[in-house]
Amino acid sequence: MRAVWSFWTKPYRKQSVGMSSWGSEFHHLLAWALSFNLAKKHLSKTALYTDSEGARFLADDLGLEFDQVSTELNNIRNYDPEWWSLGKLYTYRAQREPFVHIDCDVFLDRPLPDWLLSAPVFGQNLEWFEIGKSCYEPELFEAALLGMGGGWLPAEWLWYRKSGLGQEAVNCGILGGSAVSFLNYYAEQAIRVVEHPGNAMGWPLVGLPSGHMFLLEQYLLNACVRYEQHHSPSKYGTVSLATLFNSSEQFYNDGERARFGYTHLIGRLKSNPDCRRMLERRVSAEYPAYYERCVAMTRQG
C-alpha cells in the first residue's frame, strides 16, 4: 500500500497554529525523519504532498527519499492558515490508489495489521462525544453557517445529525483505505464547506477556523460513512470503517499502543520533555545521518 504524508507550510510557519505545538523546529524535523523512515520499512511506496517550500524543506534539505513529491498544495497558498488541515483534505482528494495517510507525529514500529489495511476506510480510533459537552461542536457550526441563510453543509452531515445515531468522529492520525473514490468524495465535501460562497457570511460567527477543522476532517468522515451505510445502494459499493483502536480509551492505554507498535504524539505531547528526548534518542541512534541533518538545518535557520 502507498504511504502518504502531507505538509502545508503556511500553517506551520504561523506560530499560533503549527510550529509552536512542537516547541522547536529541531524536534519537528526529528519527527519527520522518524515517521518517514519507520513507515518506509512496512509500506511499499511513499509520497509527499506539499508546496514548493515544503518540498525544499523535507526532500531537498532534510533528504527524505519519497518515491513521489507533489507540490499540489501550492494551490492553497492564498488560504487562511487557520484552516490547518486543508492540506490533508486536498491530499486525500488527490489519491487515485489505495493509500494510508500518516501524520508526521505518528510512528509505526510495527506494520499496520492486514485486517486494517484491507478495509474500505480506516482510521486510528473512533471518538464518541456528547453534543454540548465536547470540543466537537457541530451544532454551533451549523447555527453559524445556516442561520444566516444561504449557507451550505453536506447532506451527509445534516442526515447524521438528525439520525439518532451516536455522534462519533474518526481520529485521523492515520487515514486511508481501498474505497478511494469514496475518500475523494468525502474530502471534496469538506473542501466545499470551506470554499462555498454561501458560507462566507457565517465565518465571522464561527470564530477561528482552527478550532473547527476536526469537524471537517474527522466528524464529516464518519458522517459520510454512516450515510452510505444507511442509504442503499451506495454509489461507492461497500463502505465500512475499521479503526486500529476501538475507542479513545483503548488508544490511550499504553499496553494497547505497545501491542500495535503505534505512537501518536497528539497535541501537547509534541512539546512534552520526555517525548522530545525520545525523538532525540531514537533518531540519533537509529538514523544518525538524519539526526546530523536536523542539527545542521536548525543551526542554519
C-alpha atoms as a PDB file:
ATOM      1  CA  MET A   1       0.000   0.000   0.000  1.00  0.00           C
ATOM      2  CA  ARG A   2       1.043   3.565  -0.707  1.00  0.00           C
ATOM      3  CA  ALA A   3       2.103   5.630   2.325  1.00  0.00           C
ATOM      4  CA  VAL A   4       1.300   9.332   2.001  1.00  0.00           C
ATOM      5  CA  TRP A   5       2.289  12.367   4.070  1.00  0.00           C
ATOM      6  CA  SER A   6       1.220  15.972   3.631  1.00  0.00           C
ATOM      7  CA  PHE A   7       2.837  19.224   4.689  1.00  0.00           C
ATOM      8  CA  TRP A   8       1.249  22.620   4.088  1.00  0.00           C
ATOM      9  CA  THR A   9       3.918  25.028   5.246  1.00  0.00           C
ATOM     10  CA  LYS A  10       1.717  28.089   5.732  1.00  0.00           C
ATOM     11  CA  PRO A  11       0.010  26.874   8.938  1.00  0.00           C
ATOM     12  CA  TYR A  12       3.300  25.502  10.232  1.00  0.00           C
ATOM     13  CA  ARG A  13       5.010  28.855   9.781  1.00  0.00           C
ATOM     14  CA  LYS A  14       2.192  30.589  11.650  1.00  0.00           C
ATOM     15  CA  GLN A  15       3.411  30.232  15.230  1.00  0.00           C
ATOM     16  CA  SER A  16      -0.034  30.022  16.817  1.00  0.00           C
ATOM     17  CA  VAL A  17      -1.072  27.099  14.609  1.00  0.00           C
ATOM     18  CA  GLY A  18       1.900  24.963  13.705  1.00  0.00           C
ATOM     19  CA  MET A  19       5.464  25.440  14.890  1.00  0.00           C
ATOM     20  CA  SER A  20       4.603  26.285  18.480  1.00  0.00           C
ATOM     21  CA  SER A  21       2.983  22.878  19.011  1.00  0.00           C
ATOM     22  CA  TRP A  22       6.399  21.249  18.535  1.00  0.00           C
ATOM     23  CA  GLY A  23       8.294  23.631  20.748  1.00  0.00           C
ATOM     24  CA  SER A  24      11.162  23.763  18.258  1.00  0.00           C
ATOM     25  CA  GLU A  25      11.858  23.219  14.591  1.00  0.00           C
ATOM     26  CA  PHE A  26      14.575  20.735  15.561  1.00  0.00           C
ATOM     27  CA  HIS A  27      12.045  18.331  17.083  1.00  0.00           C
ATOM     28  CA  HIS A  28       9.656  18.843  14.194  1.00  0.00           C
ATOM     29  CA  LEU A  29      12.421  17.734  11.831  1.00  0.00           C
ATOM     30  CA  LEU A  30      13.275  14.761  14.022  1.00  0.00           C
ATOM     31  CA  ALA A  31       9.628  13.685  13.928  1.00  0.00           C
ATOM     32  CA  TRP A  32       9.574  13.776  10.133  1.00  0.00           C
ATOM     33  CA  ALA A  33      12.743  11.697   9.942  1.00  0.00           C
ATOM     34  CA  LEU A  34      11.390   9.079  12.335  1.00  0.00           C
ATOM     35  CA  SER A  35       7.860   8.916  10.930  1.00  0.00           C
ATOM     36  CA  PHE A  36       9.054   8.510   7.345  1.00  0.00           C
ATOM     37  CA  ASN A  37      11.826   6.007   7.960  1.00  0.00           C
ATOM     38  CA  LEU A  38       9.747   3.733  10.197  1.00  0.00           C
ATOM     39  CA  ALA A  39       6.789   3.623   7.805  1.00  0.00           C
ATOM     40  CA  LYS A  40       9.063   3.055   4.816  1.00  0.00           C
ATOM     41  CA  LYS A  41      10.060  -0.298   6.321  1.00  0.00           C
ATOM     42  CA  HIS A  42       6.482  -1.551   6.153  1.00  0.00           C
ATOM     43  CA  LEU A  43       4.847   0.100   3.138  1.00  0.00           C
ATOM     44  CA  SER A  44       5.872  -0.356  -0.475  1.00  0.00           C
ATOM     45  CA  LYS A  45       5.542   3.183  -1.866  1.00  0.00           C
ATOM     46  CA  THR A  46       5.899   6.633  -0.328  1.00  0.00           C
ATOM     47  CA  ALA A  47       4.625  10.041  -1.390  1.00  0.00           C
ATOM     48  CA  LEU A  48       4.709  13.588  -0.058  1.00  0.00           C
ATOM     49  CA  TYR A  49       2.066  16.174  -0.921  1.00  0.00           C
ATOM     50  CA  THR A  50       3.284  19.644  -0.078  1.00  0.00           C
ATOM     51  CA  ASP A  51       4.042  23.067  -1.516  1.00  0.00           C
ATOM     52  CA  SER A  52       7.300  24.278  -3.062  1.00  0.00           C
ATOM     53  CA  GLU A  53       8.730  25.368   0.283  1.00  0.00           C
ATOM     54  CA  GLY A  54       7.829  22.036   1.869  1.00  0.00           C
ATOM     55  CA  ALA A  55       9.470  20.117  -0.958  1.00  0.00           C
ATOM     56  CA  ARG A  56      12.717  22.011  -0.426  1.00  0.00           C
ATOM     57  CA  PHE A  57      12.494  21.637   3.346  1.00  0.00           C
ATOM     58  CA  LEU A  58      11.790  17.905   3.559  1.00  0.00           C
ATOM     59  CA  ALA A  59      13.010  16.372   0.307  1.00  0.00           C
ATOM     60  CA  ASP A  60      15.946  18.593  -0.647  1.00  0.00           C
ATOM     61  CA  ASP A  61      17.310  19.811   2.691  1.00  0.00           C
ATOM     62  CA  LEU A  62      16.346  17.004   5.082  1.00  0.00           C
ATOM     63  CA  GLY A  63      16.811  14.444   2.315  1.00  0.00           C
ATOM     64  CA  LEU A  64      13.759  12.244   2.885  1.00  0.00           C
ATOM     65  CA  GLU A  65      13.657   9.937  -0.130  1.00  0.00           C
ATOM     66  CA  PHE A  66       9.987   9.862  -1.085  1.00  0.00           C
ATOM     67  CA  ASP A  67       9.102   7.936  -4.233  1.00  0.00           C
ATOM     68  CA  GLN A  68       6.920  10.874  -5.268  1.00  0.00           C
ATOM     69  CA  VAL A  69       6.896  14.520  -4.248  1.00  0.00           C
ATOM     70  CA  SER A  70       3.887  16.558  -5.358  1.00  0.00           C
ATOM     71  CA  THR A  71       3.558  20.321  -4.948  1.00  0.00           C
ATOM     72  CA  GLU A  72      -0.243  20.062  -5.157  1.00  0.00           C
ATOM     73  CA  LEU A  73      -0.542  22.271  -2.090  1.00  0.00           C
ATOM     74  CA  ASN A  74       0.736  25.306  -3.984  1.00  0.00           C
ATOM     75  CA  ASN A  75      -2.940  25.533  -4.970  1.00  0.00           C
ATOM     76  CA  ILE A  76      -3.891  26.654  -1.464  1.00  0.00           C
ATOM     77  CA  ARG A  77      -1.144  29.199  -0.958  1.00  0.00           C
ATOM     78  CA  ASN A  78      -3.664  32.029  -0.562  1.00  0.00           C
ATOM     79  CA  TYR A  79      -5.875  30.346   2.028  1.00  0.00           C
ATOM     80  CA  ASP A  80      -6.051  31.353   5.684  1.00  0.00           C
ATOM     81  CA  PRO A  81      -3.577  29.124   7.571  1.00  0.00           C
ATOM     82  CA  GLU A  82      -6.169  28.752  10.338  1.00  0.00           C
ATOM     83  CA  TRP A  83      -7.670  26.095   8.037  1.00  0.00           C
ATOM     84  CA  TRP A  84      -4.713  23.981   9.135  1.00  0.00           C
ATOM     85  CA  SER A  85      -5.911  20.552   7.922  1.00  0.00           C
ATOM     86  CA  LEU A  86      -6.957  21.800   4.479  1.00  0.00           C
ATOM     87  CA  GLY A  87      -3.663  20.448   3.122  1.00  0.00           C
ATOM     88  CA  LYS A  88      -4.620  16.968   4.340  1.00  0.00           C
ATOM     89  CA  LEU A  89      -8.049  17.215   2.711  1.00  0.00           C
ATOM     90  CA  TYR A  90      -6.521  18.273  -0.623  1.00  0.00           C
ATOM     91  CA  THR A  91      -4.156  15.321  -0.316  1.00  0.00           C
ATOM     92  CA  TYR A  92      -6.958  12.835   0.361  1.00  0.00           C
ATOM     93  CA  ARG A  93      -8.823  14.172  -2.674  1.00  0.00           C
ATOM     94  CA  ALA A  94      -5.769  13.744  -4.911  1.00  0.00           C
ATOM     95  CA  GLN A  95      -5.284   9.994  -4.303  1.00  0.00           C
ATOM     96  CA  ARG A  96      -6.026   7.501  -7.075  1.00  0.00           C
ATOM     97  CA  GLU A  97      -4.999   4.197  -5.489  1.00  0.00           C
ATOM     98  CA  PRO A  98      -5.329   2.597  -2.028  1.00  0.00           C
ATOM     99  CA  PHE A  99      -3.335   4.611   0.470  1.00  0.00           C
ATOM    100  CA  VAL A 100      -2.664   5.373   4.105  1.00  0.00           C
ATOM    101  CA  HIS A 101      -2.061   8.979   5.051  1.00  0.00           C
ATOM    102  CA  ILE A 102       0.268   9.226   8.044  1.00  0.00           C
ATOM    103  CA  ASP A 103       0.642  12.340  10.165  1.00  0.00           C
ATOM    104  CA  CYS A 104       4.253  13.287  10.823  1.00  0.00           C
ATOM    105  CA  ASP A 105       3.705  12.783  14.555  1.00  0.00           C
ATOM    106  CA  VAL A 106       2.759   9.122  14.034  1.00  0.00           C
ATOM    107  CA  PHE A 107       5.445   6.437  14.336  1.00  0.00           C
ATOM    108  CA  LEU A 108       4.903   2.853  13.184  1.00  0.00           C
ATOM    109  CA  ASP A 109       7.273   0.474  14.930  1.00  0.00           C
ATOM    110  CA  ARG A 110       5.266  -2.434  13.532  1.00  0.00           C
ATOM    111  CA  PRO A 111       3.362  -2.883  10.273  1.00  0.00           C
ATOM    112  CA  LEU A 112      -0.265  -1.903  10.396  1.00  0.00           C
ATOM    113  CA  PRO A 113      -2.328  -5.123  10.519  1.00  0.00           C
ATOM    114  CA  ASP A 114      -3.629  -6.608   7.277  1.00  0.00           C
ATOM    115  CA  TRP A 115      -7.220  -6.521   8.537  1.00  0.00           C
ATOM    116  CA  LEU A 116      -6.904  -2.752   8.833  1.00  0.00           C
ATOM    117  CA  LEU A 117      -5.147  -2.097   5.541  1.00  0.00           C
ATOM    118  CA  SER A 118      -7.682  -4.209   3.621  1.00  0.00           C
ATOM    119  CA  ALA A 119     -10.661  -2.195   4.908  1.00  0.00           C
ATOM    120  CA  PRO A 120     -12.555   0.129   2.547  1.00  0.00           C
ATOM    121  CA  VAL A 121     -11.961   3.003   5.003  1.00  0.00           C
ATOM    122  CA  PHE A 122      -9.832   3.043   8.127  1.00  0.00           C
ATOM    123  CA  GLY A 123      -8.580   5.452  10.754  1.00  0.00           C
ATOM    124  CA  GLN A 124      -6.862   5.494  14.126  1.00  0.00           C
ATOM    125  CA  ASN A 125      -9.838   5.321  16.505  1.00  0.00           C
ATOM    126  CA  LEU A 126     -13.415   6.475  16.958  1.00  0.00           C
ATOM    127  CA  GLU A 127     -14.065   9.431  19.241  1.00  0.00           C
ATOM    128  CA  TRP A 128     -17.545   9.418  20.762  1.00  0.00           C
ATOM    129  CA  PHE A 129     -18.863  12.724  22.021  1.00  0.00           C
ATOM    130  CA  GLU A 130     -21.992  14.226  23.509  1.00  0.00           C
ATOM    131  CA  ILE A 131     -23.441  17.336  21.908  1.00  0.00           C
ATOM    132  CA  GLY A 132     -22.710  20.399  24.027  1.00  0.00           C
ATOM    133  CA  LYS A 133     -20.052  18.651  26.108  1.00  0.00           C
ATOM    134  CA  SER A 134     -17.114  18.282  23.730  1.00  0.00           C
ATOM    135  CA  CYS A 135     -14.563  20.125  21.629  1.00  0.00           C
ATOM    136  CA  TYR A 136     -16.667  18.868  18.718  1.00  0.00           C
ATOM    137  CA  GLU A 137     -19.443  21.435  18.323  1.00  0.00           C
ATOM    138  CA  PRO A 138     -21.372  20.626  15.151  1.00  0.00           C
ATOM    139  CA  GLU A 139     -24.488  22.354  16.478  1.00  0.00           C
ATOM    140  CA  LEU A 140     -22.662  25.697  16.808  1.00  0.00           C
ATOM    141  CA  PHE A 141     -21.030  25.287  13.420  1.00  0.00           C
ATOM    142  CA  GLU A 142     -24.422  24.640  11.819  1.00  0.00           C
ATOM    143  CA  ALA A 143     -26.046  27.597  13.522  1.00  0.00           C
ATOM    144  CA  ALA A 144     -23.309  29.946  12.322  1.00  0.00           C
ATOM    145  CA  LEU A 145     -23.380  28.799   8.701  1.00  0.00           C
ATOM    146  CA  LEU A 146     -27.046  28.003   8.152  1.00  0.00           C
ATOM    147  CA  GLY A 147     -28.578  30.581  10.455  1.00  0.00           C
ATOM    148  CA  MET A 148     -27.575  33.442   8.181  1.00  0.00           C
ATOM    149  CA  GLY A 149     -29.365  31.939   5.179  1.00  0.00           C
ATOM    150  CA  GLY A 150     -27.590  30.759   2.075  1.00  0.00           C
ATOM    151  CA  GLY A 151     -25.049  28.646   3.948  1.00  0.00           C
ATOM    152  CA  TRP A 152     -24.265  25.086   2.925  1.00  0.00           C
ATOM    153  CA  LEU A 153     -23.340  21.832   4.644  1.00  0.00           C
ATOM    154  CA  PRO A 154     -23.161  18.363   3.078  1.00  0.00           C
ATOM    155  CA  ALA A 155     -26.290  16.206   3.056  1.00  0.00           C
ATOM    156  CA  GLU A 156     -24.333  13.535   4.926  1.00  0.00           C
ATOM    157  CA  TRP A 157     -23.620  15.915   7.809  1.00  0.00           C
ATOM    158  CA  LEU A 158     -27.255  17.043   8.086  1.00  0.00           C
ATOM    159  CA  TRP A 159     -28.561  13.472   7.924  1.00  0.00           C
ATOM    160  CA  TYR A 160     -26.122  12.187  10.558  1.00  0.00           C
ATOM    161  CA  ARG A 161     -27.016  14.958  12.990  1.00  0.00           C
ATOM    162  CA  LYS A 162     -30.699  14.055  12.737  1.00  0.00           C
ATOM    163  CA  SER A 163     -30.262  10.279  12.511  1.00  0.00           C
ATOM    164  CA  GLY A 164     -30.450   9.481  16.198  1.00  0.00           C
ATOM    165  CA  LEU A 165     -27.153   7.594  15.915  1.00  0.00           C
ATOM    166  CA  GLY A 166     -24.429   8.155  18.474  1.00  0.00           C
ATOM    167  CA  GLN A 167     -22.215  11.032  17.417  1.00  0.00           C
ATOM    168  CA  GLU A 168     -18.659   9.957  16.667  1.00  0.00           C
ATOM    169  CA  ALA A 169     -15.648  11.258  14.793  1.00  0.00           C
ATOM    170  CA  VAL A 170     -12.643   9.374  13.418  1.00  0.00           C
ATOM    171  CA  ASN A 171      -9.197  10.332  14.694  1.00  0.00           C
ATOM    172  CA  CYS A 172      -7.150  10.778  11.527  1.00  0.00           C
ATOM    173  CA  GLY A 173      -3.624  10.231  12.836  1.00  0.00           C
ATOM    174  CA  ILE A 174      -3.786   7.619  10.105  1.00  0.00           C
ATOM    175  CA  LEU A 175      -6.460   7.619   7.423  1.00  0.00           C
ATOM    176  CA  GLY A 176      -6.845   5.569   4.289  1.00  0.00           C
ATOM    177  CA  GLY A 177      -8.419   2.591   2.627  1.00  0.00           C
ATOM    178  CA  SER A 178      -9.270   0.904  -0.633  1.00  0.00           C
ATOM    179  CA  ALA A 179     -12.506   2.880  -1.203  1.00  0.00           C
ATOM    180  CA  VAL A 180     -10.513   5.625  -2.885  1.00  0.00           C
ATOM    181  CA  SER A 181     -13.376   7.227  -4.814  1.00  0.00           C
ATOM    182  CA  PHE A 182     -15.374   7.490  -1.585  1.00  0.00           C
ATOM    183  CA  LEU A 183     -12.445   9.086   0.249  1.00  0.00           C
ATOM    184  CA  ASN A 184     -12.021  11.521  -2.655  1.00  0.00           C
ATOM    185  CA  TYR A 185     -15.716  12.396  -2.394  1.00  0.00           C
ATOM    186  CA  TYR A 186     -15.614  12.902   1.386  1.00  0.00           C
ATOM    187  CA  ALA A 187     -12.585  15.192   1.059  1.00  0.00           C
ATOM    188  CA  GLU A 188     -14.316  17.139  -1.705  1.00  0.00           C
ATOM    189  CA  GLN A 189     -17.328  17.742   0.545  1.00  0.00           C
ATOM    190  CA  ALA A 190     -15.104  19.001   3.354  1.00  0.00           C
ATOM    191  CA  ILE A 191     -13.236  21.316   0.989  1.00  0.00           C
ATOM    192  CA  ARG A 192     -16.526  22.566  -0.410  1.00  0.00           C
ATOM    193  CA  VAL A 193     -17.621  23.677   3.078  1.00  0.00           C
ATOM    194  CA  VAL A 194     -14.546  25.915   3.244  1.00  0.00           C
ATOM    195  CA  GLU A 195     -14.894  27.230  -0.304  1.00  0.00           C
ATOM    196  CA  HIS A 196     -18.685  27.565  -0.662  1.00  0.00           C
ATOM    197  CA  PRO A 197     -19.537  31.247  -1.236  1.00  0.00           C
ATOM    198  CA  GLY A 198     -22.784  30.872   0.703  1.00  0.00           C
ATOM    199  CA  ASN A 199     -20.802  30.198   3.880  1.00  0.00           C
ATOM    200  CA  ALA A 200     -18.853  33.470   3.751  1.00  0.00           C
ATOM    201  CA  MET A 201     -21.307  35.405   5.932  1.00  0.00           C
ATOM    202  CA  GLY A 202     -21.176  32.739   8.617  1.00  0.00           C
ATOM    203  CA  TRP A 203     -17.425  32.545   9.122  1.00  0.00           C
ATOM    204  CA  PRO A 204     -17.212  35.586  11.443  1.00  0.00           C
ATOM    205  CA  LEU A 205     -19.708  33.818  13.717  1.00  0.00           C
ATOM    206  CA  VAL A 206     -17.782  30.557  13.673  1.00  0.00           C
ATOM    207  CA  GLY A 207     -14.659  32.072  15.212  1.00  0.00           C
ATOM    208  CA  LEU A 208     -11.172  30.891  14.366  1.00  0.00           C
ATOM    209  CA  PRO A 209     -11.410  28.084  11.791  1.00  0.00           C
ATOM    210  CA  SER A 210      -8.590  26.244  13.541  1.00  0.00           C
ATOM    211  CA  GLY A 211     -10.985  25.224  16.291  1.00  0.00           C
ATOM    212  CA  HIS A 212     -13.360  23.537  13.845  1.00  0.00           C
ATOM    213  CA  MET A 213     -11.053  21.672  11.484  1.00  0.00           C
ATOM    214  CA  PHE A 214     -11.611  18.473  13.456  1.00  0.00           C
ATOM    215  CA  LEU A 215     -15.270  18.717  12.447  1.00  0.00           C
ATOM    216  CA  LEU A 216     -14.495  18.944   8.749  1.00  0.00           C
ATOM    217  CA  GLU A 217     -11.816  16.272   8.714  1.00  0.00           C
ATOM    218  CA  GLN A 218     -12.897  13.824  11.405  1.00  0.00           C
ATOM    219  CA  TYR A 219     -16.622  14.295  12.101  1.00  0.00           C
ATOM    220  CA  LEU A 220     -17.631  14.637   8.457  1.00  0.00           C
ATOM    221  CA  LEU A 221     -15.717  11.461   7.590  1.00  0.00           C
ATOM    222  CA  ASN A 222     -17.821   9.390   9.969  1.00  0.00           C
ATOM    223  CA  ALA A 223     -20.984  11.164   8.817  1.00  0.00           C
ATOM    224  CA  CYS A 224     -20.221  10.200   5.211  1.00  0.00           C
ATOM    225  CA  VAL A 225     -19.505   6.574   6.162  1.00  0.00           C
ATOM    226  CA  ARG A 226     -22.705   6.232   8.189  1.00  0.00           C
ATOM    227  CA  TYR A 227     -24.758   7.900   5.453  1.00  0.00           C
ATOM    228  CA  GLU A 228     -23.539   5.429   2.836  1.00  0.00           C
ATOM    229  CA  GLN A 229     -24.239   2.514   5.162  1.00  0.00           C
ATOM    230  CA  HIS A 230     -27.861   3.609   5.652  1.00  0.00           C
ATOM    231  CA  HIS A 231     -28.636   4.536   2.048  1.00  0.00           C
ATOM    232  CA  SER A 232     -28.843   1.518  -0.236  1.00  0.00           C
ATOM    233  CA  PRO A 233     -27.480   1.004  -2.731  1.00  0.00           C
ATOM    234  CA  SER A 234     -24.390   3.059  -2.051  1.00  0.00           C
ATOM    235  CA  LYS A 235     -22.855   4.616  -5.136  1.00  0.00           C
ATOM    236  CA  TYR A 236     -19.448   3.665  -3.730  1.00  0.00           C
ATOM    237  CA  GLY A 237     -20.103  -0.033  -3.138  1.00  0.00           C
ATOM    238  CA  THR A 238     -19.419  -1.419   0.302  1.00  0.00           C
ATOM    239  CA  VAL A 239     -18.253   1.371   2.565  1.00  0.00           C
ATOM    240  CA  SER A 240     -17.286   0.187   6.026  1.00  0.00           C
ATOM    241  CA  LEU A 241     -14.990   1.735   8.600  1.00  0.00           C
ATOM    242  CA  ALA A 242     -12.267  -0.042  10.550  1.00  0.00           C
ATOM    243  CA  THR A 243     -10.147   1.547  13.258  1.00  0.00           C
ATOM    244  CA  LEU A 244      -6.856   0.405  14.731  1.00  0.00           C
ATOM    245  CA  PHE A 245      -8.203   1.129  18.216  1.00  0.00           C
ATOM    246  CA  ASN A 246     -11.852   0.650  19.121  1.00  0.00           C
ATOM    247  CA  SER A 247     -12.068   3.811  21.199  1.00  0.00           C
ATOM    248  CA  SER A 248     -10.141   6.732  22.623  1.00  0.00           C
ATOM    249  CA  GLU A 249      -9.806   4.761  25.857  1.00  0.00           C
ATOM    250  CA  GLN A 250      -8.080   1.899  24.059  1.00  0.00           C
ATOM    251  CA  PHE A 251      -5.777   4.292  22.213  1.00  0.00           C
ATOM    252  CA  TYR A 252      -4.700   5.958  25.460  1.00  0.00           C
ATOM    253  CA  ASN A 253      -3.870   2.584  27.018  1.00  0.00           C
ATOM    254  CA  ASP A 254      -0.074   2.211  26.966  1.00  0.00           C
ATOM    255  CA  GLY A 255      -0.259  -1.560  26.616  1.00  0.00           C
ATOM    256  CA  GLU A 256      -2.593  -1.392  23.616  1.00  0.00           C
ATOM    257  CA  ARG A 257      -0.379   1.100  21.786  1.00  0.00           C
ATOM    258  CA  ALA A 258       2.652  -1.073  22.507  1.00  0.00           C
ATOM    259  CA  ARG A 259       0.811  -4.121  21.186  1.00  0.00           C
ATOM    260  CA  PHE A 260       0.382  -2.426  17.833  1.00  0.00           C
ATOM    261  CA  GLY A 261       3.769  -0.675  17.917  1.00  0.00           C
ATOM    262  CA  TYR A 262       1.954   2.605  17.359  1.00  0.00           C
ATOM    263  CA  THR A 263       2.819   6.061  18.694  1.00  0.00           C
ATOM    264  CA  HIS A 264       0.936   9.299  18.028  1.00  0.00           C
ATOM    265  CA  LEU A 265       2.185  12.463  19.713  1.00  0.00           C
ATOM    266  CA  ILE A 266      -1.155  14.217  19.933  1.00  0.00           C
ATOM    267  CA  GLY A 267      -1.347  17.900  20.835  1.00  0.00           C
ATOM    268  CA  ARG A 268       0.777  18.881  23.815  1.00  0.00           C
ATOM    269  CA  LEU A 269       2.746  15.632  23.700  1.00  0.00           C
ATOM    270  CA  LYS A 270       4.755  17.219  20.893  1.00  0.00           C
ATOM    271  CA  SER A 271       6.410  19.581  23.354  1.00  0.00           C
ATOM    272  CA  ASN A 272       6.488  17.155  26.279  1.00  0.00           C
ATOM    273  CA  PRO A 273      10.136  16.890  27.526  1.00  0.00           C
ATOM    274  CA  ASP A 274      10.039  13.084  27.665  1.00  0.00           C
ATOM    275  CA  CYS A 275       8.704  12.877  24.116  1.00  0.00           C
ATOM    276  CA  ARG A 276      11.316  15.332  22.889  1.00  0.00           C
ATOM    277  CA  ARG A 277      14.051  13.203  24.485  1.00  0.00           C
ATOM    278  CA  MET A 278      12.544  10.102  22.867  1.00  0.00           C
ATOM    279  CA  LEU A 279      12.802  11.736  19.433  1.00  0.00           C
ATOM    280  CA  GLU A 280      16.373  12.837  20.036  1.00  0.00           C
ATOM    281  CA  ARG A 281      17.434   9.428  21.339  1.00  0.00           C
ATOM    282  CA  ARG A 282      15.785   7.348  18.644  1.00  0.00           C
ATOM    283  CA  VAL A 283      16.788   9.392  15.626  1.00  0.00           C
ATOM    284  CA  SER A 284      20.373   9.812  16.815  1.00  0.00           C
ATOM    285  CA  ALA A 285      20.693   6.051  17.461  1.00  0.00           C
ATOM    286  CA  GLU A 286      18.718   4.637  14.523  1.00  0.00           C
ATOM    287  CA  TYR A 287      19.151   7.300  11.832  1.00  0.00           C
ATOM    288  CA  PRO A 288      22.324   9.214  12.735  1.00  0.00           C
ATOM    289  CA  ALA A 289      22.740  10.778   9.286  1.00  0.00           C
ATOM    290  CA  TYR A 290      19.266  12.298   9.519  1.00  0.00           C
ATOM    291  CA  TYR A 291      19.958  13.440  13.056  1.00  0.00           C
ATOM    292  CA  GLU A 292      23.001  15.370  11.836  1.00  0.00           C
ATOM    293  CA  ARG A 293      20.947  16.944   9.060  1.00  0.00           C
ATOM    294  CA  CYS A 294      18.340  18.056  11.596  1.00  0.00           C
ATOM    295  CA  VAL A 295      21.089  19.642  13.676  1.00  0.00           C
ATOM    296  CA  ALA A 296      22.611  21.351  10.665  1.00  0.00           C
ATOM    297  CA  MET A 297      19.281  22.658   9.351  1.00  0.00           C
ATOM    298  CA  THR A 298      18.420  24.080  12.753  1.00  0.00           C
ATOM    299  CA  ARG A 299      21.781  25.820  13.040  1.00  0.00           C
ATOM    300  CA  GLN A 300      21.417  27.262   9.555  1.00  0.00           C
ATOM    301  CA  GLY A 301      17.946  28.570  10.437  1.00  0.00           C
END
